[in-house]
Amino acid sequence: MSIIQEITLSHYQKYQKFKFIRYAGGKSRLLKFLIPKLPNNDSITGTYVEPFVGSGAVFFYINPEKAILSDTNKELIDLYKGIKANPKQVWDIFENFPHTKKSYYQIRDDINTVDESLSYRAARTLYLNRTCFKGMWRYNQDGEFNVGYGGQDRRWAINRDNLYEVSKRLKRATLLNTDFEEVIDKLNPDDFAFIDPPYSANLRETREYHYNGFKFSFEDHQRLSRVLKRASRRGVKWAMTTTSHPDILELFSSFNKHILRLGSCEKIGVLTDNAGEVLINNYSKIQD
């Protein structure tokens, strides 16, 4: 597998149309560091897989022929499914949501959306994401989205065309709402997985409640280590971004590591040159 991939200004500009959601910990701002260390779409002969899809930044940039995008966050996956199925309807609903702080909290706190259409649920999630505080994606212990209001400015940084472009690219993807272990254990040797679990830089486990109300614990990191070792024995190639905490690095001691000199810090949306993050892979030595 060739891991040589070039990220040019023109490629990056084309990618911008796919930045439709705000996602703390998303990898869009680190693409120029990550992409040269990942396979390009031509060298992935099987399926490209993201078990923690988040913002999907790497998926949208690589643009694989076939993909599986998964997450345990049902609201996130419903957002993807809604845009994939009917971007026009999602946009029309999104566009017609009200513009006030009071309305934001009314929509946020109305959690009885099970009987609403997929398009409505997708538009509601997109609206909350674009108007909440700094694009944070956080839940309380009851699995309820609890981020405060952030304003309307970021809402209109996207448009209908963005959703159409996202929908076209998602046509190649299977979308799953499931645990990472179930997804990774089904991978074949020709597949490639990009792994971006919830993590807090330099820390052993996440501080906040993410993904429907639970933290990604050290036990989850241990389980991820076991499933990736099983995948490696089957010949599956993967790369992962995670915290550089010593206990986490020890779980992956037999794999290649590269410290990310520039990455996210504890302040949402802020980059630092001492990020406490690392890229790990199992297919070749990572070059600086």
C-alpha atoms as a PDB file:
ATOM      1  CA  MET A   1       0.000   0.000   0.000  1.00  0.00           C
ATOM      2  CA  SER A   2       1.350   3.376  -1.001  1.00  0.00           C
ATOM      3  CA  ILE A   3       0.891   6.038   1.664  1.00  0.00           C
ATOM      4  CA  ILE A   4       2.140   8.891  -0.489  1.00  0.00           C
ATOM      5  CA  GLN A   5      -0.607  11.441  -0.975  1.00  0.00           C
ATOM      6  CA  GLU A   6      -0.285  15.095  -1.833  1.00  0.00           C
ATOM      7  CA  ILE A   7      -2.525  17.810  -0.455  1.00  0.00           C
ATOM      8  CA  THR A   8      -2.501  20.868  -2.682  1.00  0.00           C
ATOM      9  CA  LEU A   9      -4.217  24.222  -2.320  1.00  0.00           C
ATOM     10  CA  SER A  10      -6.678  23.387  -5.109  1.00  0.00           C
ATOM     11  CA  HIS A  11      -7.553  20.061  -3.471  1.00  0.00           C
ATOM     12  CA  TYR A  12      -8.065  21.757  -0.129  1.00  0.00           C
ATOM     13  CA  GLN A  13     -10.276  24.440  -1.652  1.00  0.00           C
ATOM     14  CA  LYS A  14     -12.436  21.764  -3.272  1.00  0.00           C
ATOM     15  CA  TYR A  15     -12.749  20.034   0.097  1.00  0.00           C
ATOM     16  CA  GLN A  16     -14.176  23.183   1.749  1.00  0.00           C
ATOM     17  CA  LYS A  17     -17.624  22.559   0.271  1.00  0.00           C
ATOM     18  CA  PHE A  18     -17.927  19.457   2.472  1.00  0.00           C
ATOM     19  CA  LYS A  19     -17.399  21.294   5.774  1.00  0.00           C
ATOM     20  CA  PHE A  20     -21.072  21.349   6.657  1.00  0.00           C
ATOM     21  CA  ILE A  21     -20.910  20.536  10.370  1.00  0.00           C
ATOM     22  CA  ARG A  22     -18.843  21.939  13.218  1.00  0.00           C
ATOM     23  CA  TYR A  23     -17.190  19.219  15.250  1.00  0.00           C
ATOM     24  CA  ALA A  24     -14.844  19.659  18.186  1.00  0.00           C
ATOM     25  CA  GLY A  25     -11.969  17.247  17.592  1.00  0.00           C
ATOM     26  CA  GLY A  26     -12.693  17.032  13.868  1.00  0.00           C
ATOM     27  CA  LYS A  27      -9.659  16.679  11.642  1.00  0.00           C
ATOM     28  CA  SER A  28     -10.334  19.290   8.962  1.00  0.00           C
ATOM     29  CA  ARG A  29      -7.698  21.681  10.340  1.00  0.00           C
ATOM     30  CA  LEU A  30      -5.091  18.904  10.443  1.00  0.00           C
ATOM     31  CA  LEU A  31      -5.573  17.552   6.941  1.00  0.00           C
ATOM     32  CA  LYS A  32      -2.289  18.877   5.559  1.00  0.00           C
ATOM     33  CA  PHE A  33      -0.443  16.954   8.293  1.00  0.00           C
ATOM     34  CA  LEU A  34      -2.520  13.771   8.093  1.00  0.00           C
ATOM     35  CA  ILE A  35      -3.157  13.310   4.381  1.00  0.00           C
ATOM     36  CA  PRO A  36       0.503  12.689   3.345  1.00  0.00           C
ATOM     37  CA  LYS A  37       0.560   9.804   5.829  1.00  0.00           C
ATOM     38  CA  LEU A  38      -2.631   8.144   4.572  1.00  0.00           C
ATOM     39  CA  PRO A  39      -3.377   6.113   1.440  1.00  0.00           C
ATOM     40  CA  ASN A  40      -5.054   7.844  -1.494  1.00  0.00           C
ATOM     41  CA  ASN A  41      -8.317   6.604  -2.961  1.00  0.00           C
ATOM     42  CA  ASP A  42      -6.591   4.707  -5.788  1.00  0.00           C
ATOM     43  CA  SER A  43      -4.568   2.577  -3.379  1.00  0.00           C
ATOM     44  CA  ILE A  44      -7.572   1.506  -1.277  1.00  0.00           C
ATOM     45  CA  THR A  45      -8.725  -1.575  -3.183  1.00  0.00           C
ATOM     46  CA  GLY A  46     -11.373  -2.549  -0.650  1.00  0.00           C
ATOM     47  CA  THR A  47     -13.607  -0.408   1.545  1.00  0.00           C
ATOM     48  CA  TYR A  48     -12.628   2.773   3.347  1.00  0.00           C
ATOM     49  CA  VAL A  49     -13.980   2.656   6.901  1.00  0.00           C
ATOM     50  CA  GLU A  50     -14.438   5.217   9.686  1.00  0.00           C
ATOM     51  CA  PRO A  51     -15.872   3.663  12.873  1.00  0.00           C
ATOM     52  CA  PHE A  52     -15.935   7.100  14.591  1.00  0.00           C
ATOM     53  CA  VAL A  53     -17.003   9.272  11.675  1.00  0.00           C
ATOM     54  CA  GLY A  54     -17.424  12.613  13.460  1.00  0.00           C
ATOM     55  CA  SER A  55     -17.172  15.390  10.870  1.00  0.00           C
ATOM     56  CA  GLY A  56     -15.983  12.941   8.210  1.00  0.00           C
ATOM     57  CA  ALA A  57     -13.153  15.299   7.202  1.00  0.00           C
ATOM     58  CA  VAL A  58     -10.762  12.569   6.088  1.00  0.00           C
ATOM     59  CA  PHE A  59     -13.501  10.646   4.253  1.00  0.00           C
ATOM     60  CA  PHE A  60     -14.599  13.720   2.304  1.00  0.00           C
ATOM     61  CA  TYR A  61     -11.034  14.602   1.370  1.00  0.00           C
ATOM     62  CA  ILE A  62      -9.913  11.101   0.309  1.00  0.00           C
ATOM     63  CA  ASN A  63     -13.192  10.528  -1.568  1.00  0.00           C
ATOM     64  CA  PRO A  64     -13.029   6.709  -1.666  1.00  0.00           C
ATOM     65  CA  GLU A  65     -15.010   4.633  -4.148  1.00  0.00           C
ATOM     66  CA  LYS A  66     -16.696   2.666  -1.371  1.00  0.00           C
ATOM     67  CA  ALA A  67     -16.992   3.457   2.324  1.00  0.00           C
ATOM     68  CA  ILE A  68     -18.546   2.519   5.642  1.00  0.00           C
ATOM     69  CA  LEU A  69     -19.127   5.419   8.015  1.00  0.00           C
ATOM     70  CA  SER A  70     -20.247   4.542  11.510  1.00  0.00           C
ATOM     71  CA  ASP A  71     -20.800   6.104  14.904  1.00  0.00           C
ATOM     72  CA  THR A  72     -22.695   5.351  18.101  1.00  0.00           C
ATOM     73  CA  ASN A  73     -24.200   8.846  17.998  1.00  0.00           C
ATOM     74  CA  LYS A  74     -27.603   8.218  16.407  1.00  0.00           C
ATOM     75  CA  GLU A  75     -28.302  11.925  15.876  1.00  0.00           C
ATOM     76  CA  LEU A  76     -25.066  12.274  13.941  1.00  0.00           C
ATOM     77  CA  ILE A  77     -25.788   9.246  11.748  1.00  0.00           C
ATOM     78  CA  ASP A  78     -29.362  10.428  11.157  1.00  0.00           C
ATOM     79  CA  LEU A  79     -27.899  13.745  10.011  1.00  0.00           C
ATOM     80  CA  TYR A  80     -25.752  11.936   7.450  1.00  0.00           C
ATOM     81  CA  LYS A  81     -28.625   9.695   6.391  1.00  0.00           C
ATOM     82  CA  GLY A  82     -31.011  12.612   6.004  1.00  0.00           C
ATOM     83  CA  ILE A  83     -28.619  14.599   3.810  1.00  0.00           C
ATOM     84  CA  LYS A  84     -27.769  11.519   1.771  1.00  0.00           C
ATOM     85  CA  ALA A  85     -31.454  10.782   1.116  1.00  0.00           C
ATOM     86  CA  ASN A  86     -32.929  14.251   0.625  1.00  0.00           C
ATOM     87  CA  PRO A  87     -30.608  17.267   0.877  1.00  0.00           C
ATOM     88  CA  LYS A  88     -33.252  19.674  -0.475  1.00  0.00           C
ATOM     89  CA  GLN A  89     -35.781  18.779   2.185  1.00  0.00           C
ATOM     90  CA  VAL A  90     -33.186  18.948   4.953  1.00  0.00           C
ATOM     91  CA  TRP A  91     -32.115  22.399   3.789  1.00  0.00           C
ATOM     92  CA  ASP A  92     -35.667  23.706   3.482  1.00  0.00           C
ATOM     93  CA  ILE A  93     -36.441  22.703   7.080  1.00  0.00           C
ATOM     94  CA  PHE A  94     -33.092  24.002   8.334  1.00  0.00           C
ATOM     95  CA  GLU A  95     -33.603  27.328   6.572  1.00  0.00           C
ATOM     96  CA  ASN A  96     -37.026  27.819   8.142  1.00  0.00           C
ATOM     97  CA  PHE A  97     -36.053  27.250  11.753  1.00  0.00           C
ATOM     98  CA  PRO A  98     -36.391  30.493  13.782  1.00  0.00           C
ATOM     99  CA  HIS A  99     -33.494  32.841  14.531  1.00  0.00           C
ATOM    100  CA  THR A 100     -33.738  33.636  18.237  1.00  0.00           C
ATOM    101  CA  LYS A 101     -31.954  32.432  21.334  1.00  0.00           C
ATOM    102  CA  LYS A 102     -35.271  31.461  22.898  1.00  0.00           C
ATOM    103  CA  SER A 103     -36.146  29.359  19.866  1.00  0.00           C
ATOM    104  CA  TYR A 104     -32.779  27.612  20.018  1.00  0.00           C
ATOM    105  CA  TYR A 105     -33.487  26.357  23.532  1.00  0.00           C
ATOM    106  CA  GLN A 106     -37.036  25.337  22.605  1.00  0.00           C
ATOM    107  CA  ILE A 107     -35.769  23.269  19.690  1.00  0.00           C
ATOM    108  CA  ARG A 108     -32.841  21.897  21.684  1.00  0.00           C
ATOM    109  CA  ASP A 109     -35.003  20.820  24.619  1.00  0.00           C
ATOM    110  CA  ASP A 110     -37.707  19.234  22.468  1.00  0.00           C
ATOM    111  CA  ILE A 111     -36.269  15.727  22.525  1.00  0.00           C
ATOM    112  CA  ASN A 112     -39.446  13.918  21.436  1.00  0.00           C
ATOM    113  CA  THR A 113     -38.463  13.706  17.765  1.00  0.00           C
ATOM    114  CA  VAL A 114     -38.808   9.938  17.276  1.00  0.00           C
ATOM    115  CA  ASP A 115     -41.989  10.320  15.242  1.00  0.00           C
ATOM    116  CA  GLU A 116     -40.590  13.162  13.119  1.00  0.00           C
ATOM    117  CA  SER A 117     -39.286  12.494   9.609  1.00  0.00           C
ATOM    118  CA  LEU A 118     -35.643  11.679   8.959  1.00  0.00           C
ATOM    119  CA  SER A 119     -35.301  15.002   7.143  1.00  0.00           C
ATOM    120  CA  TYR A 120     -36.632  16.903  10.156  1.00  0.00           C
ATOM    121  CA  ARG A 121     -34.317  15.097  12.575  1.00  0.00           C
ATOM    122  CA  ALA A 122     -31.351  15.778  10.294  1.00  0.00           C
ATOM    123  CA  ALA A 123     -32.260  19.455   9.909  1.00  0.00           C
ATOM    124  CA  ARG A 124     -32.739  19.850  13.671  1.00  0.00           C
ATOM    125  CA  THR A 125     -29.310  18.366  14.384  1.00  0.00           C
ATOM    126  CA  LEU A 126     -27.716  20.563  11.729  1.00  0.00           C
ATOM    127  CA  TYR A 127     -29.460  23.649  13.155  1.00  0.00           C
ATOM    128  CA  LEU A 128     -28.300  22.896  16.704  1.00  0.00           C
ATOM    129  CA  ASN A 129     -24.785  22.196  15.489  1.00  0.00           C
ATOM    130  CA  ARG A 130     -24.528  25.409  13.486  1.00  0.00           C
ATOM    131  CA  THR A 131     -26.005  27.646  16.216  1.00  0.00           C
ATOM    132  CA  CYS A 132     -24.678  26.095  19.439  1.00  0.00           C
ATOM    133  CA  PHE A 133     -21.635  27.346  21.338  1.00  0.00           C
ATOM    134  CA  LYS A 134     -18.461  26.734  19.279  1.00  0.00           C
ATOM    135  CA  GLY A 135     -19.875  23.653  17.582  1.00  0.00           C
ATOM    136  CA  MET A 136     -19.491  21.545  20.695  1.00  0.00           C
ATOM    137  CA  TRP A 137     -21.117  18.106  20.578  1.00  0.00           C
ATOM    138  CA  ARG A 138     -21.786  17.222  24.189  1.00  0.00           C
ATOM    139  CA  TYR A 139     -24.459  15.252  26.007  1.00  0.00           C
ATOM    140  CA  ASN A 140     -25.425  14.908  29.646  1.00  0.00           C
ATOM    141  CA  GLN A 141     -25.589  11.575  31.452  1.00  0.00           C
ATOM    142  CA  ASP A 142     -29.172  11.103  30.240  1.00  0.00           C
ATOM    143  CA  GLY A 143     -28.040  11.316  26.617  1.00  0.00           C
ATOM    144  CA  GLU A 144     -29.508  14.789  26.052  1.00  0.00           C
ATOM    145  CA  PHE A 145     -27.698  17.401  23.976  1.00  0.00           C
ATOM    146  CA  ASN A 146     -26.886  20.177  26.467  1.00  0.00           C
ATOM    147  CA  VAL A 147     -24.702  22.760  24.696  1.00  0.00           C
ATOM    148  CA  GLY A 148     -25.688  26.422  25.137  1.00  0.00           C
ATOM    149  CA  TYR A 149     -26.593  28.932  22.458  1.00  0.00           C
ATOM    150  CA  GLY A 150     -23.808  30.378  20.309  1.00  0.00           C
ATOM    151  CA  GLY A 151     -25.549  32.674  17.840  1.00  0.00           C
ATOM    152  CA  GLN A 152     -26.613  32.715  14.190  1.00  0.00           C
ATOM    153  CA  ASP A 153     -23.376  33.787  12.469  1.00  0.00           C
ATOM    154  CA  ARG A 154     -22.143  30.269  11.770  1.00  0.00           C
ATOM    155  CA  ARG A 155     -25.541  29.084  10.624  1.00  0.00           C
ATOM    156  CA  TRP A 156     -25.279  30.734   7.228  1.00  0.00           C
ATOM    157  CA  ALA A 157     -21.663  29.751   6.564  1.00  0.00           C
ATOM    158  CA  ILE A 158     -23.188  26.824   4.658  1.00  0.00           C
ATOM    159  CA  ASN A 159     -25.770  26.768   1.884  1.00  0.00           C
ATOM    160  CA  ARG A 160     -27.984  24.410  -0.066  1.00  0.00           C
ATOM    161  CA  ASP A 161     -25.182  23.589  -2.511  1.00  0.00           C
ATOM    162  CA  ASN A 162     -23.030  22.319   0.349  1.00  0.00           C
ATOM    163  CA  LEU A 163     -25.666  19.758   1.271  1.00  0.00           C
ATOM    164  CA  TYR A 164     -26.061  18.653  -2.355  1.00  0.00           C
ATOM    165  CA  GLU A 165     -22.308  18.055  -2.627  1.00  0.00           C
ATOM    166  CA  VAL A 166     -22.248  16.166   0.663  1.00  0.00           C
ATOM    167  CA  SER A 167     -25.209  14.061  -0.466  1.00  0.00           C
ATOM    168  CA  LYS A 168     -23.467  13.092  -3.718  1.00  0.00           C
ATOM    169  CA  ARG A 169     -20.376  11.905  -1.883  1.00  0.00           C
ATOM    170  CA  LEU A 170     -22.412  10.015   0.709  1.00  0.00           C
ATOM    171  CA  LYS A 171     -24.056   7.969  -2.056  1.00  0.00           C
ATOM    172  CA  ARG A 172     -20.903   5.844  -1.997  1.00  0.00           C
ATOM    173  CA  ALA A 173     -21.121   5.210   1.732  1.00  0.00           C
ATOM    174  CA  THR A 174     -22.975   2.772   3.954  1.00  0.00           C
ATOM    175  CA  LEU A 175     -24.024   4.550   7.151  1.00  0.00           C
ATOM    176  CA  LEU A 176     -24.193   2.606  10.401  1.00  0.00           C
ATOM    177  CA  ASN A 177     -25.193   3.470  13.952  1.00  0.00           C
ATOM    178  CA  THR A 178     -23.179   0.899  15.856  1.00  0.00           C
ATOM    179  CA  ASP A 179     -20.214   0.250  18.129  1.00  0.00           C
ATOM    180  CA  PHE A 180     -16.692   0.412  16.683  1.00  0.00           C
ATOM    181  CA  GLU A 181     -15.897  -3.204  17.595  1.00  0.00           C
ATOM    182  CA  GLU A 182     -18.685  -4.581  15.426  1.00  0.00           C
ATOM    183  CA  VAL A 183     -17.452  -2.553  12.444  1.00  0.00           C
ATOM    184  CA  ILE A 184     -13.718  -3.221  12.775  1.00  0.00           C
ATOM    185  CA  ASP A 185     -14.152  -6.953  13.384  1.00  0.00           C
ATOM    186  CA  LYS A 186     -15.759  -7.290   9.932  1.00  0.00           C
ATOM    187  CA  LEU A 187     -12.914  -5.641   7.999  1.00  0.00           C
ATOM    188  CA  ASN A 188     -11.039  -7.544   5.306  1.00  0.00           C
ATOM    189  CA  PRO A 189      -7.357  -7.307   4.251  1.00  0.00           C
ATOM    190  CA  ASP A 190      -8.148  -5.013   1.296  1.00  0.00           C
ATOM    191  CA  ASP A 191      -9.971  -2.519   3.525  1.00  0.00           C
ATOM    192  CA  PHE A 192      -8.486   0.579   5.138  1.00  0.00           C
ATOM    193  CA  ALA A 193      -9.726   2.109   8.389  1.00  0.00           C
ATOM    194  CA  PHE A 194      -9.155   5.620   9.668  1.00  0.00           C
ATOM    195  CA  ILE A 195      -9.735   5.580  13.424  1.00  0.00           C
ATOM    196  CA  ASP A 196     -10.472   8.792  15.340  1.00  0.00           C
ATOM    197  CA  PRO A 197     -11.972   7.831  18.716  1.00  0.00           C
ATOM    198  CA  PRO A 198     -13.169  10.421  21.238  1.00  0.00           C
ATOM    199  CA  TYR A 199     -10.155  11.521  23.266  1.00  0.00           C
ATOM    200  CA  SER A 200      -8.823  14.421  25.274  1.00  0.00           C
ATOM    201  CA  ALA A 201      -5.275  15.439  24.399  1.00  0.00           C
ATOM    202  CA  ASN A 202      -2.708  14.276  26.965  1.00  0.00           C
ATOM    203  CA  LEU A 203      -5.410  12.589  29.041  1.00  0.00           C
ATOM    204  CA  ARG A 204      -6.153   8.933  29.715  1.00  0.00           C
ATOM    205  CA  GLU A 205      -9.867   9.272  28.945  1.00  0.00           C
ATOM    206  CA  THR A 206     -12.356  11.928  27.901  1.00  0.00           C
ATOM    207  CA  ARG A 207     -13.566  14.480  30.412  1.00  0.00           C
ATOM    208  CA  GLU A 208     -16.890  15.380  28.846  1.00  0.00           C
ATOM    209  CA  TYR A 209     -19.876  13.175  28.101  1.00  0.00           C
ATOM    210  CA  HIS A 210     -19.963  12.574  24.358  1.00  0.00           C
ATOM    211  CA  TYR A 211     -21.761  10.186  22.072  1.00  0.00           C
ATOM    212  CA  ASN A 212     -25.168   9.965  23.762  1.00  0.00           C
ATOM    213  CA  GLY A 213     -24.064  10.464  27.311  1.00  0.00           C
ATOM    214  CA  PHE A 214     -20.965   8.427  28.076  1.00  0.00           C
ATOM    215  CA  LYS A 215     -17.272   9.089  28.318  1.00  0.00           C
ATOM    216  CA  PHE A 216     -14.708   7.237  26.249  1.00  0.00           C
ATOM    217  CA  SER A 217     -12.932   5.520  29.122  1.00  0.00           C
ATOM    218  CA  PHE A 218      -9.567   3.831  29.463  1.00  0.00           C
ATOM    219  CA  GLU A 219     -11.427   0.522  29.228  1.00  0.00           C
ATOM    220  CA  ASP A 220     -12.759   1.639  25.842  1.00  0.00           C
ATOM    221  CA  HIS A 221      -9.204   2.417  24.715  1.00  0.00           C
ATOM    222  CA  GLN A 222      -8.164  -1.056  25.870  1.00  0.00           C
ATOM    223  CA  ARG A 223     -11.007  -2.618  23.909  1.00  0.00           C
ATOM    224  CA  LEU A 224     -10.047  -0.575  20.841  1.00  0.00           C
ATOM    225  CA  SER A 225      -6.460  -1.788  21.197  1.00  0.00           C
ATOM    226  CA  ARG A 226      -7.601  -5.401  21.242  1.00  0.00           C
ATOM    227  CA  VAL A 227      -9.859  -5.058  18.212  1.00  0.00           C
ATOM    228  CA  LEU A 228      -7.156  -3.263  16.176  1.00  0.00           C
ATOM    229  CA  LYS A 229      -4.633  -5.967  17.036  1.00  0.00           C
ATOM    230  CA  ARG A 230      -7.114  -8.570  15.780  1.00  0.00           C
ATOM    231  CA  ALA A 231      -7.584  -6.543  12.605  1.00  0.00           C
ATOM    232  CA  SER A 232      -3.813  -6.317  12.118  1.00  0.00           C
ATOM    233  CA  ARG A 233      -3.475 -10.092  12.381  1.00  0.00           C
ATOM    234  CA  ARG A 234      -6.061 -10.398   9.584  1.00  0.00           C
ATOM    235  CA  GLY A 235      -3.985  -8.060   7.399  1.00  0.00           C
ATOM    236  CA  VAL A 236      -6.232  -5.001   7.708  1.00  0.00           C
ATOM    237  CA  LYS A 237      -4.417  -1.654   7.348  1.00  0.00           C
ATOM    238  CA  TRP A 238      -5.396   1.203   9.659  1.00  0.00           C
ATOM    239  CA  ALA A 239      -4.279   4.586  10.965  1.00  0.00           C
ATOM    240  CA  MET A 240      -5.471   6.241  14.151  1.00  0.00           C
ATOM    241  CA  THR A 241      -5.308   9.638  15.818  1.00  0.00           C
ATOM    242  CA  THR A 242      -5.446   9.580  19.610  1.00  0.00           C
ATOM    243  CA  THR A 243      -4.048  11.049  22.802  1.00  0.00           C
ATOM    244  CA  SER A 244      -0.337  10.724  23.527  1.00  0.00           C
ATOM    245  CA  HIS A 245      -0.915   9.861  27.176  1.00  0.00           C
ATOM    246  CA  PRO A 246       1.683   7.195  28.154  1.00  0.00           C
ATOM    247  CA  ASP A 247      -0.952   4.638  29.189  1.00  0.00           C
ATOM    248  CA  ILE A 248      -2.614   4.892  25.783  1.00  0.00           C
ATOM    249  CA  LEU A 249       0.683   4.701  23.894  1.00  0.00           C
ATOM    250  CA  GLU A 250       1.566   1.573  25.849  1.00  0.00           C
ATOM    251  CA  LEU A 251      -1.551  -0.127  24.497  1.00  0.00           C
ATOM    252  CA  PHE A 252      -0.152   0.355  20.975  1.00  0.00           C
ATOM    253  CA  SER A 253       3.533  -0.138  21.747  1.00  0.00           C
ATOM    254  CA  SER A 254       4.145  -2.437  18.761  1.00  0.00           C
ATOM    255  CA  PHE A 255       2.846   0.033  16.166  1.00  0.00           C
ATOM    256  CA  ASN A 256       4.312   3.079  14.398  1.00  0.00           C
ATOM    257  CA  LYS A 257       3.828   6.470  16.042  1.00  0.00           C
ATOM    258  CA  HIS A 258       4.162  10.098  15.014  1.00  0.00           C
ATOM    259  CA  ILE A 259       3.600  12.953  17.445  1.00  0.00           C
ATOM    260  CA  LEU A 260       1.279  15.582  15.980  1.00  0.00           C
ATOM    261  CA  ARG A 261       3.137  18.824  16.634  1.00  0.00           C
ATOM    262  CA  LEU A 262       0.096  20.868  15.700  1.00  0.00           C
ATOM    263  CA  GLY A 263      -3.308  19.878  16.935  1.00  0.00           C
ATOM    264  CA  SER A 264      -6.300  20.669  19.126  1.00  0.00           C
ATOM    265  CA  CYS A 265      -5.868  21.753  22.716  1.00  0.00           C
ATOM    266  CA  GLU A 266      -8.263  21.825  25.655  1.00  0.00           C
ATOM    267  CA  LYS A 267      -9.745  25.133  24.453  1.00  0.00           C
ATOM    268  CA  ILE A 268     -12.369  24.356  21.830  1.00  0.00           C
ATOM    269  CA  GLY A 269     -11.343  25.384  18.312  1.00  0.00           C
ATOM    270  CA  VAL A 270      -7.792  26.376  19.307  1.00  0.00           C
ATOM    271  CA  LEU A 271      -4.681  24.815  17.759  1.00  0.00           C
ATOM    272  CA  THR A 272      -1.405  24.438  19.608  1.00  0.00           C
ATOM    273  CA  ASP A 273       2.089  23.307  18.675  1.00  0.00           C
ATOM    274  CA  ASN A 274       2.184  21.012  21.716  1.00  0.00           C
ATOM    275  CA  ALA A 275      -1.020  19.132  21.083  1.00  0.00           C
ATOM    276  CA  GLY A 276      -0.567  15.941  23.087  1.00  0.00           C
ATOM    277  CA  GLU A 277      -1.905  13.954  20.132  1.00  0.00           C
ATOM    278  CA  VAL A 278      -0.367  11.170  18.103  1.00  0.00           C
ATOM    279  CA  LEU A 279      -0.908   9.388  14.790  1.00  0.00           C
ATOM    280  CA  ILE A 280      -0.476   5.615  14.990  1.00  0.00           C
ATOM    281  CA  ASN A 281      -0.555   3.151  12.096  1.00  0.00           C
ATOM    282  CA  ASN A 282       0.240  -0.488  11.348  1.00  0.00           C
ATOM    283  CA  TYR A 283       1.433  -0.428   7.740  1.00  0.00           C
ATOM    284  CA  SER A 284       4.772   1.402   7.493  1.00  0.00           C
ATOM    285  CA  LYS A 285       7.134   3.677   9.315  1.00  0.00           C
ATOM    286  CA  ILE A 286       5.632   7.161   9.541  1.00  0.00           C
ATOM    287  CA  GLN A 287       7.885   9.800   8.080  1.00  0.00           C
ATOM    288  CA  ASP A 288       8.082  13.333   9.522  1.00  0.00           C
END
